[in-house]
Amino acid sequence: MEESIKVIISGGGTGGHIFPAVSIANAIKTQHPDARILFVGAEGRMEMQRVPAAGYDIIGLPVAGFDRKNLWKNVGVILKLIRSQIKARKVIKEFRPDVAVGVGGYASGPTLKVAGAMGIPTLIQEQNSYAGVTNKLLAKQARKICVAYEGMERFFDKDKIILTGNPVRQGLLNPAISREDAIRSFGLDPQKKTVLLVGGSLGARTLNNCVMQGLDKIKQSGVQFIWQTGKIYIDEARAAVARAGEMPMLYVSDFISDMATAYRAADLVISRAGAGSISELCLLAKPVILVPSPNVAEDHQTKNALALVNKNAALYVKDAEAGGRLLDTAIKTVQQAGTLNELSTNIARLAFKDSANIIADEVYKLAVNYKKEHGR
C-alpha cells in the first residue's frame, strides 16, 4: 500500500518561483493523489492569490526582503524575519510535514531553516545558474538540491545535487492550435513575422520604453509585435500607441493569460532572463533575445543569459544598451530564417523534458524515508 505523505512547499514572489512550485505540487498529486500539500508564502505577494487559484491552501508569513541600498531600513526586516520563523515553527508543528520544499523567494528562507532545525528533510529547487545567498545557506541542511544548470557543484555539495531542470507551466506544451490561428487570435497577419515581447509577470520598464520610443520604427518594419506590458505600465503604453496613430501590426495587453498561444504565434521572443522563462523557451525551442534585468540579486539574470549565449542558444542585449539596439536587433533577426533555425536548434538541446516529475519523485522518497525513521 502506498504511503500517504504531507508536504510543505515554500517560496514565491514572482511567477518564476510560483509556476515551478505549482508544477511540483501538481506532479506530486498526480503521482500520489492522497498526498497533502500546504504552501507557505509571503504576505501580500503574488503567491497568496495564484496558489489558491491553482487549488492549494497557502499560509502567509510576514517576511520581506533585505534592502541592500539602505541598510538602516533592515531593522524592520529583521523583526519580520524573527516573526516569520516563529510563525513557520507553529505551522510546521500543526501540519506535521514529512518533507519541506523550497523554490526560492522570501518565504522559503525562514520556512526551510525552521524545518531543517526541527529535523524535517528539506529539498531545494535552485532555478538559476548562479545560486542565491539564501539557497547557499539553506543547502547546508538540505538533503537534496535540484538544479537546472550544470556546474552547480561550485555552490553546493555535489553529492546532494540532482540535475533536473526547472518545472514549467504544463499548459504551455503541445498547444492544439496552428501558428496561423494563434496569430489570428491576436488580430494579426499570419503572413508576417511576429515578435513576442514579454517582461515577466510584473512587466519591465526598459522593454516597454523600447517599444514606446520605437513605435514609428515598428510601423515601418514590416514586422508585427505582441506586447505584454505588465499591469502597472498598461495605461502609459496605450496612451503612447494612441498618440502614434493606427497600428494594426501591434497587439498590446497588460497580461496574456494564454501564453501557450502567444508562444505559438511568435517567430522570435524578447524576454527578461528569469530561470523559469528560459526553461519554457528551451522546451518550446523558441529563438530569443534575452535582456537580463539589472535589478536582480547577484545579477542572476545575466548569468542565466550567458549560459545560453555561450552555447549559441540565444542572443543577448544589455539592459543599458536596449534603447539603442533592441528593436533593431529584433526586426533584423526575425527576418533571418537561418539565424532563427540555428537559435531554435541550439536552445532545444538545453531542454529538460520531465523536471516536475523527477523532483516529485525525490520529494516522495525523502518523505517516505522520514516516515519510516520516525514510525509515522
Protein backbone atom coordinates (compact mmCIF):
# COMPACT_ATOMS: atom_id res chain seq x y z
CA MET A 1 0.00 0.00 0.00
CA GLU A 2 1.31 3.44 -0.97
CA GLU A 3 2.44 5.83 1.77
CA SER A 4 0.34 8.97 2.25
CA ILE A 5 2.68 11.95 2.66
CA LYS A 6 2.42 15.55 3.84
CA VAL A 7 4.48 18.21 2.00
CA ILE A 8 5.17 21.88 2.65
CA ILE A 9 6.20 23.89 -0.41
CA SER A 10 7.56 27.34 0.36
CA GLY A 11 8.52 30.36 -1.73
CA GLY A 12 7.14 32.69 -4.34
CA GLY A 13 7.24 36.42 -5.03
CA THR A 14 7.23 36.18 -8.81
CA GLY A 15 5.81 33.87 -11.45
CA GLY A 16 9.32 32.46 -11.86
CA HIS A 17 9.05 30.91 -8.39
CA ILE A 18 5.31 30.25 -8.28
CA PHE A 19 4.92 28.35 -11.59
CA PRO A 20 7.61 25.74 -10.70
CA ALA A 21 6.15 25.38 -7.20
CA VAL A 22 2.66 24.67 -8.54
CA SER A 23 4.08 22.32 -11.19
CA ILE A 24 5.88 20.31 -8.50
CA ALA A 25 2.70 20.19 -6.41
CA ASN A 26 0.66 19.03 -9.40
CA ALA A 27 3.20 16.30 -10.16
CA ILE A 28 3.12 15.09 -6.54
CA LYS A 29 -0.70 14.98 -6.58
CA THR A 30 -0.76 13.17 -9.93
CA GLN A 31 1.67 10.51 -8.71
CA HIS A 32 0.24 10.32 -5.17
CA PRO A 33 -3.40 11.53 -5.03
CA ASP A 34 -3.58 11.09 -1.24
CA ALA A 35 -0.67 13.47 -0.62
CA ARG A 36 -1.48 16.57 1.45
CA ILE A 37 0.25 19.73 0.31
CA LEU A 38 0.44 23.08 2.10
CA PHE A 39 2.10 26.16 0.61
CA VAL A 40 3.84 28.79 2.72
CA GLY A 41 4.30 32.16 1.05
CA ALA A 42 4.91 35.81 1.90
CA GLU A 43 2.02 38.04 2.94
CA GLY A 44 0.99 40.47 0.22
CA ARG A 45 2.92 38.70 -2.54
CA MET A 46 1.64 37.16 -5.76
CA GLU A 47 1.55 33.60 -4.44
CA MET A 48 -1.23 34.48 -2.00
CA GLN A 49 -3.62 34.73 -5.00
CA ARG A 50 -2.02 32.41 -7.56
CA VAL A 51 -1.64 29.35 -5.32
CA PRO A 52 -5.30 29.22 -4.16
CA ALA A 53 -6.31 29.74 -7.80
CA ALA A 54 -4.35 26.56 -8.58
CA GLY A 55 -6.33 24.68 -5.92
CA TYR A 56 -3.91 24.63 -2.96
CA ASP A 57 -4.02 26.04 0.57
CA ILE A 58 -1.44 28.66 1.49
CA ILE A 59 -0.36 30.41 4.68
CA GLY A 60 1.46 33.75 4.51
CA LEU A 61 4.47 34.80 6.58
CA PRO A 62 5.19 38.48 7.41
CA VAL A 63 8.58 38.21 5.71
CA ALA A 64 10.23 40.83 3.50
CA GLY A 65 13.44 41.14 1.51
CA PHE A 66 16.56 42.93 2.70
CA ASP A 67 17.18 46.46 1.44
CA ARG A 68 20.72 46.28 0.06
CA LYS A 69 20.98 50.03 -0.57
CA ASN A 70 19.60 51.41 2.71
CA LEU A 71 20.91 49.09 5.39
CA TRP A 72 19.29 51.06 8.23
CA LYS A 73 15.88 50.05 6.90
CA ASN A 74 16.64 46.42 7.67
CA VAL A 75 15.82 46.68 11.38
CA GLY A 76 12.15 46.16 10.48
CA VAL A 77 13.08 43.40 8.05
CA ILE A 78 14.94 41.51 10.79
CA LEU A 79 11.94 41.79 13.12
CA LYS A 80 9.70 40.43 10.34
CA LEU A 81 12.15 37.57 9.82
CA ILE A 82 12.00 36.64 13.51
CA ARG A 83 8.19 36.77 13.47
CA SER A 84 8.21 34.67 10.29
CA GLN A 85 10.37 32.00 11.89
CA ILE A 86 8.05 31.86 14.91
CA LYS A 87 5.01 31.53 12.63
CA ALA A 88 6.76 28.94 10.43
CA ARG A 89 7.51 26.84 13.51
CA LYS A 90 3.83 26.99 14.53
CA VAL A 91 2.70 26.00 11.02
CA ILE A 92 5.13 23.08 10.89
CA LYS A 93 4.13 21.83 14.35
CA GLU A 94 0.45 21.88 13.40
CA PHE A 95 0.76 20.48 9.86
CA ARG A 96 3.50 17.94 10.73
CA PRO A 97 5.03 17.66 7.22
CA ASP A 98 7.18 14.73 6.17
CA VAL A 99 9.28 16.95 3.88
CA ALA A 100 9.69 20.67 3.09
CA VAL A 101 10.46 22.01 -0.39
CA GLY A 102 11.92 25.46 -1.08
CA VAL A 103 11.55 27.05 -4.51
CA GLY A 104 13.09 30.46 -3.78
CA GLY A 105 11.52 33.73 -2.71
CA TYR A 106 11.27 35.43 0.66
CA ALA A 107 9.23 32.78 2.48
CA SER A 108 11.49 29.84 1.66
CA GLY A 109 14.29 31.07 3.96
CA PRO A 110 12.53 31.01 7.33
CA THR A 111 10.36 28.02 6.44
CA LEU A 112 13.19 25.70 5.38
CA LYS A 113 15.52 26.93 8.11
CA VAL A 114 12.94 26.06 10.78
CA ALA A 115 12.01 22.76 9.11
CA GLY A 116 15.64 21.69 8.93
CA ALA A 117 16.23 22.67 12.57
CA MET A 118 13.22 20.53 13.54
CA GLY A 119 14.74 17.52 11.76
CA ILE A 120 12.37 17.52 8.78
CA PRO A 121 14.11 16.67 5.49
CA THR A 122 14.35 19.60 3.08
CA LEU A 123 14.76 19.81 -0.67
CA ILE A 124 15.82 22.98 -2.50
CA GLN A 125 14.95 23.76 -6.09
CA GLU A 126 17.60 26.22 -7.36
CA GLN A 127 16.36 27.67 -10.64
CA ASN A 128 19.27 29.89 -11.61
CA SER A 129 22.75 29.25 -12.96
CA TYR A 130 24.18 31.24 -10.05
CA ALA A 131 22.97 30.22 -6.60
CA GLY A 132 21.40 32.86 -4.38
CA VAL A 133 22.57 33.68 -0.86
CA THR A 134 19.50 32.14 0.80
CA ASN A 135 19.82 28.82 -1.02
CA LYS A 136 23.53 28.64 -0.30
CA LEU A 137 22.73 28.94 3.41
CA LEU A 138 19.81 26.50 3.27
CA ALA A 139 21.90 23.98 1.31
CA LYS A 140 23.91 23.08 4.39
CA GLN A 141 20.86 21.41 5.93
CA ALA A 142 19.16 20.29 2.69
CA ARG A 143 19.08 16.57 1.83
CA LYS A 144 18.65 17.16 -1.93
CA ILE A 145 19.29 20.14 -4.22
CA CYS A 146 17.58 20.08 -7.61
CA VAL A 147 19.31 22.33 -10.15
CA ALA A 148 18.70 23.47 -13.72
CA TYR A 149 22.28 24.08 -14.86
CA GLU A 150 25.48 22.10 -14.97
CA GLY A 151 28.45 23.15 -12.84
CA MET A 152 26.45 23.90 -9.68
CA GLU A 153 28.89 21.96 -7.51
CA ARG A 154 30.79 25.26 -7.16
CA PHE A 155 27.93 26.32 -4.85
CA PHE A 156 26.63 23.07 -3.38
CA ASP A 157 27.79 19.67 -2.13
CA LYS A 158 27.93 17.63 -5.33
CA ASP A 159 26.57 14.54 -3.53
CA LYS A 160 23.28 16.39 -2.90
CA ILE A 161 22.85 17.77 -6.42
CA ILE A 162 20.37 16.35 -8.94
CA LEU A 163 20.25 17.91 -12.41
CA THR A 164 16.51 18.16 -13.08
CA GLY A 165 15.90 21.39 -14.98
CA ASN A 166 13.13 23.80 -13.98
CA PRO A 167 9.47 22.73 -13.97
CA VAL A 168 7.30 24.85 -16.28
CA ARG A 169 3.60 25.52 -16.71
CA GLN A 170 2.24 22.28 -18.17
CA GLY A 171 -0.34 24.13 -20.25
CA LEU A 172 2.40 25.58 -22.46
CA LEU A 173 3.32 22.28 -24.03
CA ASN A 174 1.67 20.86 -27.15
CA PRO A 175 -0.90 23.64 -27.79
CA ALA A 176 -3.69 22.44 -30.07
CA ILE A 177 -3.51 25.47 -32.34
CA SER A 178 -1.59 26.25 -35.52
CA ARG A 179 0.81 29.18 -35.80
CA GLU A 180 -1.57 30.87 -38.24
CA ASP A 181 -4.60 30.55 -35.97
CA ALA A 182 -2.54 31.65 -32.98
CA ILE A 183 -1.53 34.83 -34.81
CA ARG A 184 -5.10 35.50 -35.92
CA SER A 185 -6.28 35.22 -32.31
CA PHE A 186 -4.26 38.38 -31.60
CA GLY A 187 -5.78 40.17 -34.59
CA LEU A 188 -2.53 39.99 -36.54
CA ASP A 189 -1.49 38.84 -40.04
CA PRO A 190 -0.28 35.20 -40.39
CA GLN A 191 1.78 36.22 -43.42
CA LYS A 192 4.05 38.48 -41.37
CA LYS A 193 6.88 37.64 -39.00
CA THR A 194 5.82 38.03 -35.38
CA VAL A 195 7.83 39.10 -32.31
CA LEU A 196 6.53 38.39 -28.81
CA LEU A 197 7.79 40.83 -26.18
CA VAL A 198 7.27 39.91 -22.51
CA GLY A 199 8.80 41.47 -19.42
CA GLY A 200 7.77 38.78 -16.96
CA SER A 201 4.62 38.65 -14.87
CA LEU A 202 5.24 42.15 -13.46
CA GLY A 203 6.37 43.85 -16.68
CA ALA A 204 9.72 45.51 -17.43
CA ARG A 205 10.30 49.26 -17.68
CA THR A 206 13.24 49.03 -20.10
CA LEU A 207 11.46 46.74 -22.58
CA ASN A 208 8.32 48.88 -22.50
CA ASN A 209 10.30 52.08 -23.07
CA CYS A 210 11.98 50.49 -26.09
CA VAL A 211 8.59 49.86 -27.68
CA MET A 212 7.07 53.21 -26.74
CA GLN A 213 10.07 55.07 -28.14
CA GLY A 214 10.21 52.84 -31.23
CA LEU A 215 6.60 52.84 -32.41
CA ASP A 216 7.46 54.61 -35.68
CA LYS A 217 10.20 52.03 -36.29
CA ILE A 218 7.69 49.21 -35.71
CA LYS A 219 5.24 50.85 -38.13
CA GLN A 220 7.81 50.84 -40.92
CA SER A 221 9.42 47.46 -40.17
CA GLY A 222 7.04 45.06 -41.92
CA VAL A 223 7.16 43.03 -38.69
CA GLN A 224 4.35 42.69 -36.11
CA PHE A 225 4.57 42.59 -32.33
CA ILE A 226 2.64 41.01 -29.44
CA TRP A 227 3.46 43.19 -26.44
CA GLN A 228 2.75 42.24 -22.83
CA THR A 229 3.36 45.37 -20.76
CA GLY A 230 2.59 44.29 -17.21
CA LYS A 231 -0.30 45.81 -15.24
CA ILE A 232 1.48 48.92 -13.93
CA TYR A 233 2.60 50.02 -17.40
CA ILE A 234 -0.53 49.40 -19.47
CA ASP A 235 -2.10 52.89 -19.30
CA GLU A 236 1.14 54.56 -20.32
CA ALA A 237 1.63 52.06 -23.15
CA ARG A 238 -1.89 52.50 -24.52
CA ALA A 239 -1.54 56.29 -24.41
CA ALA A 240 1.70 56.09 -26.41
CA VAL A 241 0.06 53.84 -29.02
CA ALA A 242 -2.93 56.19 -29.29
CA ARG A 243 -0.60 59.11 -29.98
CA ALA A 244 1.22 57.10 -32.65
CA GLY A 245 -1.98 56.54 -34.65
CA GLU A 246 -3.39 53.34 -36.08
CA MET A 247 -1.05 50.37 -35.57
CA PRO A 248 -2.60 47.12 -36.86
CA MET A 249 0.79 45.42 -36.54
CA LEU A 250 0.85 45.78 -32.75
CA TYR A 251 -1.17 43.88 -30.13
CA VAL A 252 -0.96 45.38 -26.63
CA SER A 253 -2.06 43.76 -23.35
CA ASP A 254 -1.15 44.12 -19.69
CA PHE A 255 -1.18 40.34 -19.18
CA ILE A 256 -1.52 37.41 -21.57
CA SER A 257 -3.24 34.55 -19.77
CA ASP A 258 -2.89 32.13 -22.72
CA MET A 259 0.88 32.10 -23.08
CA ALA A 260 0.79 28.82 -25.00
CA THR A 261 -0.96 30.60 -27.88
CA ALA A 262 1.34 33.63 -27.61
CA TYR A 263 4.44 31.45 -27.84
CA ARG A 264 2.89 29.52 -30.75
CA ALA A 265 2.36 32.78 -32.62
CA ALA A 266 5.91 34.03 -32.10
CA ASP A 267 8.77 33.60 -34.56
CA LEU A 268 11.06 35.37 -32.09
CA VAL A 269 10.70 36.22 -28.39
CA ILE A 270 12.14 39.17 -26.48
CA SER A 271 12.32 38.35 -22.77
CA ARG A 272 13.98 39.01 -19.47
CA ALA A 273 16.29 36.17 -18.42
CA GLY A 274 14.44 34.68 -15.47
CA ALA A 275 15.14 31.00 -14.95
CA GLY A 276 11.51 29.98 -15.48
CA SER A 277 11.17 31.88 -18.74
CA ILE A 278 14.39 30.37 -20.05
CA SER A 279 13.22 26.85 -19.19
CA GLU A 280 9.98 27.44 -21.08
CA LEU A 281 11.82 28.80 -24.11
CA CYS A 282 14.15 25.78 -24.13
CA LEU A 283 11.23 23.32 -24.07
CA LEU A 284 9.42 25.23 -26.82
CA ALA A 285 12.62 25.68 -28.88
CA LYS A 286 11.91 29.40 -29.29
CA PRO A 287 14.54 31.77 -30.69
CA VAL A 288 15.00 34.52 -28.12
CA ILE A 289 16.72 37.82 -27.43
CA LEU A 290 17.42 37.99 -23.71
CA VAL A 291 17.59 41.35 -21.91
CA PRO A 292 18.59 40.48 -18.33
CA SER A 293 17.14 42.63 -15.57
CA PRO A 294 19.83 44.59 -13.71
CA ASN A 295 17.64 44.72 -10.60
CA VAL A 296 18.02 41.09 -9.52
CA ALA A 297 20.12 39.86 -6.59
CA GLU A 298 23.60 38.62 -7.52
CA ASP A 299 22.88 39.58 -11.15
CA HIS A 300 21.27 36.14 -11.64
CA GLN A 301 19.67 37.00 -14.94
CA THR A 302 22.88 37.99 -16.71
CA LYS A 303 24.46 34.72 -15.63
CA ASN A 304 21.38 32.80 -16.82
CA ALA A 305 21.53 34.56 -20.19
CA LEU A 306 25.24 33.96 -20.70
CA ALA A 307 24.78 30.24 -20.01
CA LEU A 308 22.69 30.19 -23.23
CA VAL A 309 24.65 32.75 -25.22
CA ASN A 310 27.87 30.77 -24.68
CA LYS A 311 26.18 27.83 -26.43
CA ASN A 312 24.85 30.00 -29.26
CA ALA A 313 21.34 29.28 -27.99
CA ALA A 314 20.17 32.89 -27.52
CA LEU A 315 21.00 36.49 -28.40
CA TYR A 316 21.79 38.97 -25.64
CA VAL A 317 21.27 42.72 -25.30
CA LYS A 318 22.33 44.52 -22.12
CA ASP A 319 19.59 46.44 -20.34
CA ALA A 320 21.63 49.65 -20.57
CA GLU A 321 22.01 49.24 -24.34
CA ALA A 322 18.45 48.14 -25.10
CA GLY A 323 17.17 51.60 -26.04
CA GLY A 324 19.59 51.85 -28.94
CA ARG A 325 19.81 48.21 -30.01
CA LEU A 326 16.88 46.03 -29.04
CA LEU A 327 14.23 46.79 -31.67
CA ASP A 328 16.78 46.96 -34.50
CA THR A 329 18.21 43.58 -33.46
CA ALA A 330 14.74 42.02 -33.21
CA ILE A 331 13.49 43.35 -36.56
CA LYS A 332 16.65 42.21 -38.32
CA THR A 333 16.83 38.78 -36.62
CA VAL A 334 13.19 37.77 -37.11
CA GLN A 335 13.62 38.10 -40.87
CA GLN A 336 16.70 35.84 -40.99
CA ALA A 337 15.44 32.27 -41.33
CA GLY A 338 18.91 30.75 -40.91
CA THR A 339 19.56 32.56 -37.63
CA LEU A 340 16.13 31.61 -36.26
CA ASN A 341 16.68 27.94 -37.15
CA GLU A 342 20.12 27.88 -35.56
CA LEU A 343 18.89 29.50 -32.33
CA SER A 344 15.88 27.16 -32.20
CA THR A 345 18.02 24.04 -32.67
CA ASN A 346 20.58 25.08 -30.06
CA ILE A 347 18.14 26.15 -27.36
CA ALA A 348 16.12 22.93 -27.77
CA ARG A 349 19.26 20.94 -26.85
CA LEU A 350 19.20 22.55 -23.39
CA ALA A 351 15.64 21.49 -22.53
CA PHE A 352 14.71 19.17 -19.67
CA LYS A 353 11.51 17.34 -20.51
CA ASP A 354 10.21 15.93 -17.22
CA SER A 355 11.52 18.17 -14.43
CA ALA A 356 8.41 18.31 -12.23
CA ASN A 357 8.01 14.52 -12.10
CA ILE A 358 11.69 13.95 -11.34
CA ILE A 359 11.55 16.45 -8.46
CA ALA A 360 8.28 14.95 -7.23
CA ASP A 361 9.98 11.52 -7.09
CA GLU A 362 12.76 12.94 -4.90
CA VAL A 363 10.25 14.67 -2.62
CA TYR A 364 8.33 11.40 -2.17
CA LYS A 365 11.48 9.41 -1.37
CA LEU A 366 12.55 11.89 1.30
CA ALA A 367 9.08 11.90 2.85
CA VAL A 368 8.75 8.11 2.94
CA ASN A 369 12.22 7.68 4.48
CA TYR A 370 11.37 10.26 7.15
CA LYS A 371 8.12 8.49 7.99
CA LYS A 372 9.97 5.16 8.34
CA GLU A 373 12.65 6.69 10.55
CA HIS A 374 10.05 8.27 12.85
CA GLY A 375 7.44 5.49 12.78
CA ARG A 376 4.78 7.72 11.22
